[in-house]
Structures are given as structure tokens and as C-alpha cells.
Amino acid sequence: MLNIVLHQPEIPANTGNIGRTCVATGARLHLIEPLGFRLDEKSIKRAGMDYWEHLDVTRYINFEEFLEKNPGAKIWMATTKAKHVYSDVSFGPDDYIMFGKESAGIPEEILVDYEESCIRIPMLPQIRSLNLSNSVAVVLYEALRQNGFSHMQTEGELHRLHWKE
């Protein structure tokens, strides 16, 4: 099962949207404090809709506790400072993909220890970064694609009509 890690997220709507994406994909969500909101706020539940109660979520006091409780985790660090593009790496089915807070990203003090597993989403140079929840969706779905969308529904049906054969 893939894992999404948010390091000190600040905006509840982003975390709510990411939580919903995790439920839809079967990914686990890991939240590293401090958070810029309370988890019981209406805005996070509104963004996650009625899916929040189905979310597999774990909170950690800091990055050190996260590492202690997830020994040997393969962690990809999503950052605009990376040399590698997210679509050029090979994601494993149990990897962790970490994203930083909206205002500053992942601290450089953490990034320097993960140079080879830092990944970026390409974008034009005049843009500082993408929205956090959009970034998570882009990278998570690439990781899922690489792993064959394991255990996911890949076909849909019409509600009232039938597809033409």
C-alpha cells in the first residue's frame, strides 16, 4: 500500500482533499506535526466529504518519530528543488511519498539526507509550486500506474444506458 506523508500541512482544505484521494486509492496518510489546523475542523471534513472516517491516517509529533515508527521506509521527497522528475523514478508498492507544507515545502535540513530520492513535478520557471493537493494527486497516480493500479477498479459502467459494443 502506498503512503502519502504530509510534513506540517497548513491548509485544512488541502489535507481534506488529500485524505479523500488516499481513500479513493487505498493509500495511507501520515501527518507530521505541527499541523496548521485541528483535524476536527469542518473545513477538513468538508474537503474530505464523508470519506474522512474511512481514511487510514497516522499522526506523528515530528519527522524523527515518523522515521522511528516506519523503519526502513523508502521515502520519496517531492520538492521543487529536486534534480529528478517524478515520472522517471520507479515507485515500489509500499513506498512513502512525502510533501512539505504549503508555504515552504520540506525543510532543506531533511532534504539534504535524501538527495537521490528527491523528485519534482516539471513546471514553467515563473511558477513557484503547484497546489499541494494537486501535487499529491499527480505523483500518487503515477506511482499507482507504475504498480498496475493494483486492487483498483479500472473500468466503469453507465448508470442508465449501456456502452455500445
C-alpha atoms as a PDB file:
ATOM      1  CA  MET A   1       0.000   0.000   0.000  1.00  0.00           C
ATOM      2  CA  LEU A   2       1.403   3.373  -0.988  1.00  0.00           C
ATOM      3  CA  ASN A   3       1.858   6.024   1.679  1.00  0.00           C
ATOM      4  CA  ILE A   4       1.430   9.791   1.461  1.00  0.00           C
ATOM      5  CA  VAL A   5       3.302  11.828   4.062  1.00  0.00           C
ATOM      6  CA  LEU A   6       2.465  15.479   4.737  1.00  0.00           C
ATOM      7  CA  HIS A   7       5.128  17.360   6.672  1.00  0.00           C
ATOM      8  CA  GLN A   8       3.468  20.147   8.668  1.00  0.00           C
ATOM      9  CA  PRO A   9       0.499  20.843   6.358  1.00  0.00           C
ATOM     10  CA  GLU A  10      -1.089  24.258   6.897  1.00  0.00           C
ATOM     11  CA  ILE A  11      -4.335  24.392   4.917  1.00  0.00           C
ATOM     12  CA  PRO A  12      -7.160  22.110   6.046  1.00  0.00           C
ATOM     13  CA  ALA A  13      -8.883  22.003   2.645  1.00  0.00           C
ATOM     14  CA  ASN A  14      -5.713  20.651   1.025  1.00  0.00           C
ATOM     15  CA  THR A  15      -5.347  17.949   3.669  1.00  0.00           C
ATOM     16  CA  GLY A  16      -9.037  17.083   3.330  1.00  0.00           C
ATOM     17  CA  ASN A  17      -8.698  16.717  -0.434  1.00  0.00           C
ATOM     18  CA  ILE A  18      -5.569  14.616   0.003  1.00  0.00           C
ATOM     19  CA  GLY A  19      -7.388  12.442   2.544  1.00  0.00           C
ATOM     20  CA  ARG A  20     -10.178  11.829   0.038  1.00  0.00           C
ATOM     21  CA  THR A  21      -7.623  10.944  -2.643  1.00  0.00           C
ATOM     22  CA  CYS A  22      -5.985   8.499  -0.228  1.00  0.00           C
ATOM     23  CA  VAL A  23      -9.326   6.812   0.491  1.00  0.00           C
ATOM     24  CA  ALA A  24     -10.062   6.581  -3.253  1.00  0.00           C
ATOM     25  CA  THR A  25      -6.700   4.966  -3.953  1.00  0.00           C
ATOM     26  CA  GLY A  26      -6.197   2.853  -0.847  1.00  0.00           C
ATOM     27  CA  ALA A  27      -3.162   4.888   0.210  1.00  0.00           C
ATOM     28  CA  ARG A  28      -2.292   5.584   3.836  1.00  0.00           C
ATOM     29  CA  LEU A  29      -1.922   9.177   5.034  1.00  0.00           C
ATOM     30  CA  HIS A  30       0.784  10.193   7.504  1.00  0.00           C
ATOM     31  CA  LEU A  31       0.637  13.661   9.095  1.00  0.00           C
ATOM     32  CA  ILE A  32       3.734  15.128  10.719  1.00  0.00           C
ATOM     33  CA  GLU A  33       3.036  17.899  13.230  1.00  0.00           C
ATOM     34  CA  PRO A  34       2.670  20.694  13.832  1.00  0.00           C
ATOM     35  CA  LEU A  35      -0.481  20.956  11.737  1.00  0.00           C
ATOM     36  CA  GLY A  36      -1.831  24.368  10.760  1.00  0.00           C
ATOM     37  CA  PHE A  37      -5.354  23.308  11.785  1.00  0.00           C
ATOM     38  CA  ARG A  38      -7.276  20.927  14.011  1.00  0.00           C
ATOM     39  CA  LEU A  39      -8.338  17.649  12.481  1.00  0.00           C
ATOM     40  CA  ASP A  40     -11.916  18.088  13.644  1.00  0.00           C
ATOM     41  CA  GLU A  41     -12.446  21.353  11.764  1.00  0.00           C
ATOM     42  CA  LYS A  42     -15.452  21.484   9.453  1.00  0.00           C
ATOM     43  CA  SER A  43     -13.280  22.552   6.518  1.00  0.00           C
ATOM     44  CA  ILE A  44     -11.165  19.409   6.531  1.00  0.00           C
ATOM     45  CA  LYS A  45     -14.224  17.193   6.777  1.00  0.00           C
ATOM     46  CA  ARG A  46     -15.967  19.187   4.047  1.00  0.00           C
ATOM     47  CA  ALA A  47     -12.996  18.772   1.710  1.00  0.00           C
ATOM     48  CA  GLY A  48     -12.751  15.072   2.519  1.00  0.00           C
ATOM     49  CA  MET A  49     -16.524  14.817   2.451  1.00  0.00           C
ATOM     50  CA  ASP A  50     -17.965  11.740   4.081  1.00  0.00           C
ATOM     51  CA  TYR A  51     -14.864   9.732   3.249  1.00  0.00           C
ATOM     52  CA  TRP A  52     -12.691  11.053   6.114  1.00  0.00           C
ATOM     53  CA  GLU A  53     -13.904   8.375   8.549  1.00  0.00           C
ATOM     54  CA  HIS A  54     -12.604   5.688   6.148  1.00  0.00           C
ATOM     55  CA  LEU A  55      -9.115   7.201   5.973  1.00  0.00           C
ATOM     56  CA  ASP A  56      -6.122   5.260   7.309  1.00  0.00           C
ATOM     57  CA  VAL A  57      -4.307   8.188   8.940  1.00  0.00           C
ATOM     58  CA  THR A  58      -1.462   8.362  11.463  1.00  0.00           C
ATOM     59  CA  ARG A  59      -0.094  11.453  13.214  1.00  0.00           C
ATOM     60  CA  TYR A  60       3.480  11.994  14.370  1.00  0.00           C
ATOM     61  CA  ILE A  61       4.937  14.610  16.696  1.00  0.00           C
ATOM     62  CA  ASN A  62       7.884  15.239  14.357  1.00  0.00           C
ATOM     63  CA  PHE A  63       9.905  13.755  11.494  1.00  0.00           C
ATOM     64  CA  GLU A  64      12.097  11.794  13.896  1.00  0.00           C
ATOM     65  CA  GLU A  65       9.066   9.985  15.328  1.00  0.00           C
ATOM     66  CA  PHE A  66       7.867   9.244  11.797  1.00  0.00           C
ATOM     67  CA  LEU A  67      11.253   7.648  10.965  1.00  0.00           C
ATOM     68  CA  GLU A  68      11.277   5.714  14.247  1.00  0.00           C
ATOM     69  CA  LYS A  69       7.812   4.257  13.628  1.00  0.00           C
ATOM     70  CA  ASN A  70       8.474   3.451   9.945  1.00  0.00           C
ATOM     71  CA  PRO A  71      11.965   1.891   9.959  1.00  0.00           C
ATOM     72  CA  GLY A  72      13.441   1.116   6.550  1.00  0.00           C
ATOM     73  CA  ALA A  73      10.767   3.086   4.689  1.00  0.00           C
ATOM     74  CA  LYS A  74      11.657   4.046   1.107  1.00  0.00           C
ATOM     75  CA  ILE A  75      10.806   7.765   1.136  1.00  0.00           C
ATOM     76  CA  TRP A  76      10.482   9.907  -1.958  1.00  0.00           C
ATOM     77  CA  MET A  77      10.709  13.640  -1.202  1.00  0.00           C
ATOM     78  CA  ALA A  78       8.556  15.782  -3.500  1.00  0.00           C
ATOM     79  CA  THR A  79      10.223  19.170  -3.818  1.00  0.00           C
ATOM     80  CA  THR A  80      10.744  21.900  -6.401  1.00  0.00           C
ATOM     81  CA  LYS A  81      14.460  21.676  -5.528  1.00  0.00           C
ATOM     82  CA  ALA A  82      14.892  18.127  -6.895  1.00  0.00           C
ATOM     83  CA  LYS A  83      17.017  17.009  -9.839  1.00  0.00           C
ATOM     84  CA  HIS A  84      14.819  14.009 -10.735  1.00  0.00           C
ATOM     85  CA  VAL A  85      11.378  14.137 -12.365  1.00  0.00           C
ATOM     86  CA  TYR A  86       8.704  12.076 -10.578  1.00  0.00           C
ATOM     87  CA  SER A  87       7.853  10.085 -13.717  1.00  0.00           C
ATOM     88  CA  ASP A  88      11.488   8.974 -14.198  1.00  0.00           C
ATOM     89  CA  VAL A  89      11.788   7.045 -10.932  1.00  0.00           C
ATOM     90  CA  SER A  90      10.470   3.591 -10.039  1.00  0.00           C
ATOM     91  CA  PHE A  91       7.933   3.601  -7.216  1.00  0.00           C
ATOM     92  CA  GLY A  92       7.500   0.447  -5.177  1.00  0.00           C
ATOM     93  CA  PRO A  93       4.073  -0.712  -3.946  1.00  0.00           C
ATOM     94  CA  ASP A  94       4.839   0.215  -0.312  1.00  0.00           C
ATOM     95  CA  ASP A  95       6.827   3.411  -0.841  1.00  0.00           C
ATOM     96  CA  TYR A  96       6.296   6.664   1.035  1.00  0.00           C
ATOM     97  CA  ILE A  97       5.912   9.936  -0.871  1.00  0.00           C
ATOM     98  CA  MET A  98       6.470  12.992   1.295  1.00  0.00           C
ATOM     99  CA  PHE A  99       5.271  16.541   0.637  1.00  0.00           C
ATOM    100  CA  GLY A 100       6.048  19.682   2.623  1.00  0.00           C
ATOM    101  CA  LYS A 101       3.883  22.448   3.957  1.00  0.00           C
ATOM    102  CA  GLU A 102       2.251  24.824   1.519  1.00  0.00           C
ATOM    103  CA  SER A 103       4.303  27.911   2.425  1.00  0.00           C
ATOM    104  CA  ALA A 104       7.795  26.406   2.444  1.00  0.00           C
ATOM    105  CA  GLY A 105       7.905  22.779   1.322  1.00  0.00           C
ATOM    106  CA  ILE A 106      10.058  20.151   3.032  1.00  0.00           C
ATOM    107  CA  PRO A 107      12.838  21.730   5.128  1.00  0.00           C
ATOM    108  CA  GLU A 108      16.263  21.625   3.491  1.00  0.00           C
ATOM    109  CA  GLU A 109      17.628  20.071   6.699  1.00  0.00           C
ATOM    110  CA  ILE A 110      15.612  16.969   5.788  1.00  0.00           C
ATOM    111  CA  LEU A 111      16.164  17.122   2.020  1.00  0.00           C
ATOM    112  CA  VAL A 112      19.977  17.020   2.204  1.00  0.00           C
ATOM    113  CA  ASP A 113      19.816  13.451   3.529  1.00  0.00           C
ATOM    114  CA  TYR A 114      17.556  12.326   0.650  1.00  0.00           C
ATOM    115  CA  GLU A 115      19.188  13.875  -2.424  1.00  0.00           C
ATOM    116  CA  GLU A 116      18.775  10.785  -4.624  1.00  0.00           C
ATOM    117  CA  SER A 117      15.127  10.270  -3.703  1.00  0.00           C
ATOM    118  CA  CYS A 118      14.068  13.886  -4.194  1.00  0.00           C
ATOM    119  CA  ILE A 119      11.587  14.218  -7.055  1.00  0.00           C
ATOM    120  CA  ARG A 120       9.891  17.131  -8.760  1.00  0.00           C
ATOM    121  CA  ILE A 121       6.924  17.877 -10.996  1.00  0.00           C
ATOM    122  CA  PRO A 122       8.088  19.850 -14.041  1.00  0.00           C
ATOM    123  CA  MET A 123       6.560  23.305 -14.466  1.00  0.00           C
ATOM    124  CA  LEU A 124       7.346  26.649 -16.012  1.00  0.00           C
ATOM    125  CA  PRO A 125      10.031  28.659 -14.169  1.00  0.00           C
ATOM    126  CA  GLN A 126       7.773  31.601 -13.266  1.00  0.00           C
ATOM    127  CA  ILE A 127       5.587  29.350 -11.063  1.00  0.00           C
ATOM    128  CA  ARG A 128       6.858  28.682  -7.540  1.00  0.00           C
ATOM    129  CA  SER A 129       4.866  25.485  -6.991  1.00  0.00           C
ATOM    130  CA  LEU A 130       1.592  23.701  -7.626  1.00  0.00           C
ATOM    131  CA  ASN A 131      -1.222  23.374  -5.110  1.00  0.00           C
ATOM    132  CA  LEU A 132      -0.368  20.704  -2.540  1.00  0.00           C
ATOM    133  CA  SER A 133      -3.408  18.504  -3.120  1.00  0.00           C
ATOM    134  CA  ASN A 134      -2.871  18.654  -6.898  1.00  0.00           C
ATOM    135  CA  SER A 135       0.787  17.706  -6.464  1.00  0.00           C
ATOM    136  CA  VAL A 136      -0.115  14.709  -4.313  1.00  0.00           C
ATOM    137  CA  ALA A 137      -2.646  13.509  -6.903  1.00  0.00           C
ATOM    138  CA  VAL A 138      -0.174  13.847  -9.796  1.00  0.00           C
ATOM    139  CA  VAL A 139       2.621  11.898  -8.104  1.00  0.00           C
ATOM    140  CA  LEU A 140       0.402   9.340  -6.359  1.00  0.00           C
ATOM    141  CA  TYR A 141      -1.362   8.378  -9.582  1.00  0.00           C
ATOM    142  CA  GLU A 142       1.981   7.923 -11.344  1.00  0.00           C
ATOM    143  CA  ALA A 143       3.078   5.602  -8.533  1.00  0.00           C
ATOM    144  CA  LEU A 144      -0.230   3.726  -8.819  1.00  0.00           C
ATOM    145  CA  ARG A 145       0.128   3.490 -12.610  1.00  0.00           C
ATOM    146  CA  GLN A 146       3.628   2.051 -12.248  1.00  0.00           C
ATOM    147  CA  ASN A 147       2.220  -0.578  -9.888  1.00  0.00           C
ATOM    148  CA  GLY A 148      -0.588  -1.562 -12.264  1.00  0.00           C
ATOM    149  CA  PHE A 149      -3.354   0.150 -10.272  1.00  0.00           C
ATOM    150  CA  SER A 150      -3.302  -2.888  -8.015  1.00  0.00           C
ATOM    151  CA  HIS A 151      -6.678  -3.609  -6.351  1.00  0.00           C
ATOM    152  CA  MET A 152      -8.292  -0.601  -8.056  1.00  0.00           C
ATOM    153  CA  GLN A 153     -11.339  -0.510 -10.289  1.00  0.00           C
ATOM    154  CA  THR A 154     -10.154   0.361 -13.797  1.00  0.00           C
ATOM    155  CA  GLU A 155     -13.458   0.135 -15.675  1.00  0.00           C
ATOM    156  CA  GLY A 156     -16.788   1.842 -15.103  1.00  0.00           C
ATOM    157  CA  GLU A 157     -20.382   1.343 -16.135  1.00  0.00           C
ATOM    158  CA  LEU A 158     -23.057   3.781 -17.219  1.00  0.00           C
ATOM    159  CA  HIS A 159     -25.923   4.242 -14.760  1.00  0.00           C
ATOM    160  CA  ARG A 160     -28.921   4.349 -17.106  1.00  0.00           C
ATOM    161  CA  LEU A 161     -27.624   3.235 -20.507  1.00  0.00           C
ATOM    162  CA  HIS A 162     -25.190   0.622 -21.797  1.00  0.00           C
ATOM    163  CA  TRP A 163     -21.968   1.060 -23.748  1.00  0.00           C
ATOM    164  CA  LYS A 164     -22.291   0.217 -27.451  1.00  0.00           C
ATOM    165  CA  GLU A 165     -20.428  -2.939 -28.375  1.00  0.00           C
END
